Amino acid sequence: MRGPGVAAALCLAAAMLPAAAGGEPAPAGRITGRLEKHGTRADGMVAFFDERAGPPPDFDRYFRVPTESAFADAAGRFEVALPAGRYYVAAIRRTAGQRLGPPARGDLVFQPRDRQGAPLLIVVTPKETTDLGVLTGPLRYQPRPPRRGERVTAIAGTVVGEHGKARAGVVVLAYRVGGTELRPLFASDPTGRDGRFALRLPEGGRFWLRVRTGFREGPPQPGSLLGGHGDAPVEVAVRTGATARGTVVRIADVRPPGRRGPRGPR
């Protein structure tokens, strides 16, 4: 069984508007707003998650890859075009390092709630602009260990290179087997020096796993890494409340055209 194509698999946050009849993009609406930290305007990444594709974001339990994302400017303002639908909203303001991907210790996270305390769900209407106003109340992110008795669902394993050496600093992406989404749904934190990863999930199921060097948009660049080998992702099944351990994902370098490897043409 084959998974999503390589190019589509690597579009983590690129704009991918679904096609309407005749191949035209589906009508989109616009979302605007502003981030604010303790009364001061703040920049950061604002993420939108299609309700139809998966659960609301929950940084304490798992990292869901955004359906779309935008970056607030120095004044805290953001604007994005989204296909009509319903979306959860969250935002991350980095203290350092990469601008995409799971929050790191010390980052500020915005997880807006509605009046009932549920994750904020917005409605995007075709050809209309909706202003979210000011998103406030960020919290300093601290990784939370599982509570006593909490059932954690995860896939754990190791990422290795072409010669079996552990690969550090890469991210494992999960796609639901049989799903219609071409983008990944969930992602791990970057691997450590030992190549180990823990990919947390909201529930069990069957997933295709792929790897890339980071959360940059667009196709892989020469010198980046891609897994599994060729176009065949690793398939893993995991039960809700359990951890599927021992998964090994093998990855290959993405080389410039005409270069076949360390001893190939240059």
Protein backbone atom coordinates (compact mmCIF):
# COMPACT_ATOMS: atom_id res chain seq x y z
CA MET A 1 0.00 0.00 0.00
CA ARG A 2 1.38 3.40 -0.93
CA GLY A 3 1.05 6.58 1.04
CA PRO A 4 0.82 10.22 0.05
CA GLY A 5 3.22 11.42 -2.67
CA VAL A 6 6.50 12.94 -1.61
CA ALA A 7 5.78 16.50 -2.71
CA ALA A 8 2.33 16.57 -1.12
CA ALA A 9 3.64 14.91 2.01
CA LEU A 10 6.10 17.71 2.60
CA CYS A 11 3.68 20.65 2.32
CA LEU A 12 3.21 21.27 6.04
CA ALA A 13 1.65 24.66 5.97
CA ALA A 14 1.42 25.67 2.34
CA ALA A 15 -1.86 27.02 1.00
CA MET A 16 -3.75 24.11 -0.56
CA LEU A 17 -7.25 25.23 -1.49
CA PRO A 18 -9.59 22.35 -2.37
CA ALA A 19 -10.79 22.38 -5.96
CA ALA A 20 -14.38 23.10 -6.84
CA ALA A 21 -16.19 21.96 -9.98
CA GLY A 22 -14.24 22.76 -13.11
CA GLY A 23 -10.90 22.81 -11.27
CA GLU A 24 -11.40 26.30 -9.86
CA PRO A 25 -10.36 26.96 -6.24
CA ALA A 26 -13.18 26.76 -3.72
CA PRO A 27 -14.46 30.18 -2.58
CA ALA A 28 -12.41 31.48 0.33
CA GLY A 29 -13.03 33.88 3.15
CA ARG A 30 -10.53 36.02 5.04
CA ILE A 31 -9.65 35.98 8.72
CA THR A 32 -7.97 38.91 10.44
CA GLY A 33 -6.95 39.59 14.02
CA ARG A 34 -4.15 40.56 16.38
CA LEU A 35 -1.99 38.86 19.00
CA GLU A 36 -1.40 40.58 22.30
CA LYS A 37 0.87 39.59 25.20
CA HIS A 38 0.07 41.19 28.56
CA GLY A 39 -1.21 44.34 26.88
CA THR A 40 1.64 44.49 24.36
CA ARG A 41 1.28 43.57 20.70
CA ALA A 42 3.14 40.39 19.81
CA ASP A 43 4.28 38.62 16.66
CA GLY A 44 4.06 34.84 16.23
CA MET A 45 2.56 32.02 14.21
CA VAL A 46 -1.23 31.77 14.06
CA ALA A 47 -2.48 28.29 13.16
CA PHE A 48 -5.84 27.12 11.82
CA PHE A 49 -7.06 23.51 12.01
CA ASP A 50 -9.89 22.23 9.80
CA GLU A 51 -12.52 20.68 12.07
CA ARG A 52 -13.30 18.00 9.48
CA ALA A 53 -9.73 16.68 9.37
CA GLY A 54 -9.06 16.02 13.04
CA PRO A 55 -9.43 16.98 16.70
CA PRO A 56 -8.77 20.43 18.19
CA PRO A 57 -5.15 21.31 19.00
CA ASP A 58 -3.94 20.25 22.44
CA PHE A 59 -0.26 21.08 22.96
CA ASP A 60 -0.16 19.17 26.26
CA ARG A 61 -1.20 15.87 24.63
CA TYR A 62 -0.13 15.98 20.96
CA PHE A 63 0.89 18.33 18.16
CA ARG A 64 -1.56 18.52 15.29
CA VAL A 65 -0.07 19.98 12.10
CA PRO A 66 -1.98 23.12 11.08
CA THR A 67 -4.18 23.05 8.02
CA GLU A 68 -3.11 26.62 7.29
CA SER A 69 -0.95 29.15 9.10
CA ALA A 70 -0.09 32.83 9.04
CA PHE A 71 2.49 34.98 10.81
CA ALA A 72 1.56 38.05 12.80
CA ASP A 73 3.75 41.08 12.09
CA ALA A 74 5.59 43.20 14.65
CA ALA A 75 2.33 45.00 15.41
CA GLY A 76 0.65 41.68 16.13
CA ARG A 77 -1.62 41.83 13.07
CA PHE A 78 -2.36 38.78 10.94
CA GLU A 79 -4.51 38.05 7.89
CA VAL A 80 -5.11 34.78 6.04
CA ALA A 81 -7.39 33.41 3.32
CA LEU A 82 -9.08 30.10 4.17
CA PRO A 83 -11.48 27.85 2.26
CA ALA A 84 -15.01 28.03 3.64
CA GLY A 85 -15.47 25.82 6.70
CA ARG A 86 -14.96 25.63 10.45
CA TYR A 87 -11.52 25.93 12.03
CA TYR A 88 -9.92 25.72 15.46
CA VAL A 89 -7.43 28.48 16.22
CA ALA A 90 -4.16 28.54 18.18
CA ALA A 91 -0.96 30.58 18.11
CA ILE A 92 2.68 30.25 19.22
CA ARG A 93 5.16 33.03 19.91
CA ARG A 94 8.70 31.62 19.84
CA THR A 95 11.39 32.66 22.25
CA ALA A 96 14.04 31.37 19.79
CA GLY A 97 14.62 29.00 16.90
CA GLN A 98 12.23 27.63 14.30
CA ARG A 99 8.97 29.38 13.48
CA LEU A 100 6.96 26.25 12.69
CA GLY A 101 6.38 23.01 14.57
CA PRO A 102 5.53 22.05 18.17
CA PRO A 103 6.07 24.62 20.92
CA ALA A 104 9.33 24.43 22.86
CA ARG A 105 9.80 24.98 26.57
CA GLY A 106 9.35 28.68 27.32
CA ASP A 107 7.39 29.56 24.17
CA LEU A 108 4.16 31.50 24.60
CA VAL A 109 1.08 29.57 23.46
CA PHE A 110 -2.34 31.04 22.72
CA GLN A 111 -5.21 28.56 22.95
CA PRO A 112 -8.39 30.67 22.79
CA ARG A 113 -11.58 29.30 24.30
CA ASP A 114 -15.25 30.04 23.79
CA ARG A 115 -17.63 31.03 26.57
CA GLN A 116 -18.14 27.38 27.54
CA GLY A 117 -14.39 26.79 27.85
CA ALA A 118 -14.15 24.67 24.69
CA PRO A 119 -11.46 25.29 22.04
CA LEU A 120 -12.46 28.28 19.92
CA LEU A 121 -14.08 27.22 16.64
CA ILE A 122 -14.52 29.87 13.96
CA VAL A 123 -16.67 29.84 10.84
CA VAL A 124 -15.14 31.00 7.53
CA THR A 125 -17.74 32.29 5.07
CA PRO A 126 -16.93 32.52 1.34
CA LYS A 127 -15.92 36.00 0.13
CA GLU A 128 -16.39 37.52 3.59
CA THR A 129 -13.85 38.84 6.12
CA THR A 130 -14.16 37.86 9.78
CA ASP A 131 -12.18 39.79 12.38
CA LEU A 132 -11.25 37.72 15.45
CA GLY A 133 -10.29 40.81 17.39
CA VAL A 134 -7.44 40.46 19.87
CA LEU A 135 -6.18 37.03 20.96
CA THR A 136 -4.81 37.40 24.49
CA GLY A 137 -3.86 35.37 27.53
CA PRO A 138 -0.84 33.39 26.32
CA LEU A 139 0.69 30.87 28.69
CA ARG A 140 4.37 29.97 29.02
CA TYR A 141 4.66 26.46 27.62
CA GLN A 142 6.06 23.76 29.88
CA PRO A 143 5.95 20.13 28.71
CA ARG A 144 3.48 18.31 30.94
CA PRO A 145 4.24 14.73 32.01
CA PRO A 146 1.27 12.32 31.91
CA ARG A 147 -0.99 12.54 34.93
CA ARG A 148 -1.34 9.52 37.16
CA GLY A 149 -3.63 7.04 35.45
CA GLU A 150 -3.70 9.02 32.19
CA ARG A 151 -3.69 6.80 29.12
CA VAL A 152 -1.20 8.07 26.55
CA THR A 153 -1.41 7.07 22.90
CA ALA A 154 1.90 7.28 21.05
CA ILE A 155 4.30 5.76 18.53
CA ALA A 156 7.91 5.56 19.73
CA GLY A 157 11.02 4.51 17.89
CA THR A 158 14.23 5.58 16.18
CA VAL A 159 15.12 7.39 12.99
CA VAL A 160 18.26 6.13 11.25
CA GLY A 161 20.08 7.12 8.08
CA GLU A 162 21.07 5.10 5.05
CA HIS A 163 23.92 3.39 6.94
CA GLY A 164 22.03 2.77 10.18
CA LYS A 165 23.34 5.82 12.05
CA ALA A 166 20.91 7.61 14.35
CA ARG A 167 19.68 10.92 12.93
CA ALA A 168 19.17 13.87 15.25
CA GLY A 169 17.01 16.95 14.74
CA VAL A 170 14.45 15.41 12.39
CA VAL A 171 10.68 15.36 12.75
CA VAL A 172 8.38 12.34 12.33
CA LEU A 173 5.06 13.07 10.62
CA ALA A 174 1.92 10.93 10.82
CA TYR A 175 -0.74 10.54 8.12
CA ARG A 176 -3.90 8.54 8.76
CA VAL A 177 -3.99 5.40 6.59
CA GLY A 178 -6.93 5.62 4.20
CA GLY A 179 -7.44 9.31 4.94
CA THR A 180 -8.14 11.89 2.25
CA GLU A 181 -5.76 14.53 3.65
CA LEU A 182 -2.55 14.96 1.65
CA ARG A 183 -0.85 16.82 4.49
CA PRO A 184 0.32 15.21 7.75
CA LEU A 185 -2.03 15.33 10.72
CA PHE A 186 0.39 14.96 13.64
CA ALA A 187 4.10 15.52 14.28
CA SER A 188 6.72 14.61 16.85
CA ASP A 189 9.22 16.86 18.56
CA PRO A 190 12.65 16.80 16.84
CA THR A 191 14.66 13.65 17.53
CA GLY A 192 17.54 13.72 20.00
CA ARG A 193 21.15 12.73 19.36
CA ASP A 194 20.15 9.08 19.72
CA GLY A 195 17.57 9.44 16.93
CA ARG A 196 14.69 8.52 19.21
CA PHE A 197 11.24 10.00 18.79
CA ALA A 198 7.88 9.89 20.56
CA LEU A 199 4.93 10.82 18.37
CA ARG A 200 1.92 11.52 20.60
CA LEU A 201 -1.57 10.98 19.19
CA PRO A 202 -5.11 11.76 20.37
CA GLU A 203 -6.29 8.19 19.69
CA GLY A 204 -5.23 4.91 18.15
CA GLY A 205 -5.40 3.87 14.51
CA ARG A 206 -3.20 3.07 11.54
CA PHE A 207 -0.74 5.71 10.41
CA TRP A 208 1.85 6.25 7.72
CA LEU A 209 5.07 7.79 9.04
CA ARG A 210 7.43 10.07 7.15
CA VAL A 211 10.39 12.17 8.22
CA ARG A 212 11.77 15.56 7.30
CA THR A 213 14.50 17.79 8.68
CA GLY A 214 12.21 20.49 10.00
CA PHE A 215 9.07 22.52 9.60
CA ARG A 216 9.99 24.54 6.53
CA GLU A 217 7.34 25.01 3.86
CA GLY A 218 7.63 23.58 0.37
CA PRO A 219 9.54 20.67 -1.20
CA PRO A 220 12.72 19.20 0.33
CA GLN A 221 16.01 20.96 -0.40
CA PRO A 222 19.29 19.21 -1.27
CA GLY A 223 20.96 18.04 1.92
CA SER A 224 17.64 17.58 3.75
CA LEU A 225 16.36 14.16 4.73
CA LEU A 226 13.34 12.16 3.64
CA GLY A 227 11.87 8.88 4.90
CA GLY A 228 11.07 6.11 4.48
CA HIS A 229 13.15 4.99 1.54
CA GLY A 230 11.88 5.99 -1.87
CA ASP A 231 8.16 6.74 -1.87
CA ALA A 232 7.15 4.06 0.66
CA PRO A 233 6.24 5.36 4.13
CA VAL A 234 6.36 3.22 7.26
CA GLU A 235 2.95 1.96 8.37
CA VAL A 236 2.25 1.53 12.09
CA ALA A 237 -0.87 0.46 14.02
CA VAL A 238 -1.38 1.64 17.59
CA ARG A 239 -4.19 1.11 20.11
CA THR A 240 -5.78 3.96 22.04
CA GLY A 241 -4.09 4.30 25.41
CA ALA A 242 -1.02 2.30 24.31
CA THR A 243 2.44 3.08 22.92
CA ALA A 244 3.65 1.23 19.82
CA ARG A 245 7.38 0.87 20.50
CA GLY A 246 10.35 -0.23 18.44
CA THR A 247 9.43 1.52 15.19
CA VAL A 248 12.46 2.16 12.99
CA VAL A 249 12.16 4.76 10.22
CA ARG A 250 14.98 4.73 7.68
CA ILE A 251 15.64 7.92 5.76
CA ALA A 252 17.63 8.97 2.73
CA ASP A 253 19.37 12.23 1.87
CA VAL A 254 17.75 14.40 -0.80
CA ARG A 255 20.63 15.08 -3.21
CA PRO A 256 21.01 17.65 -5.99
CA PRO A 257 20.25 16.41 -9.54
CA GLY A 258 23.12 14.38 -10.98
CA ARG A 259 24.51 13.45 -7.60
CA ARG A 260 24.02 9.82 -6.62
CA GLY A 261 25.78 9.69 -3.30
CA PRO A 262 29.18 10.05 -1.66
CA ARG A 263 30.89 8.24 -4.58
CA GLY A 264 28.56 9.31 -7.37
CA PRO A 265 28.98 12.12 -9.88
CA ARG A 266 29.34 15.65 -8.49
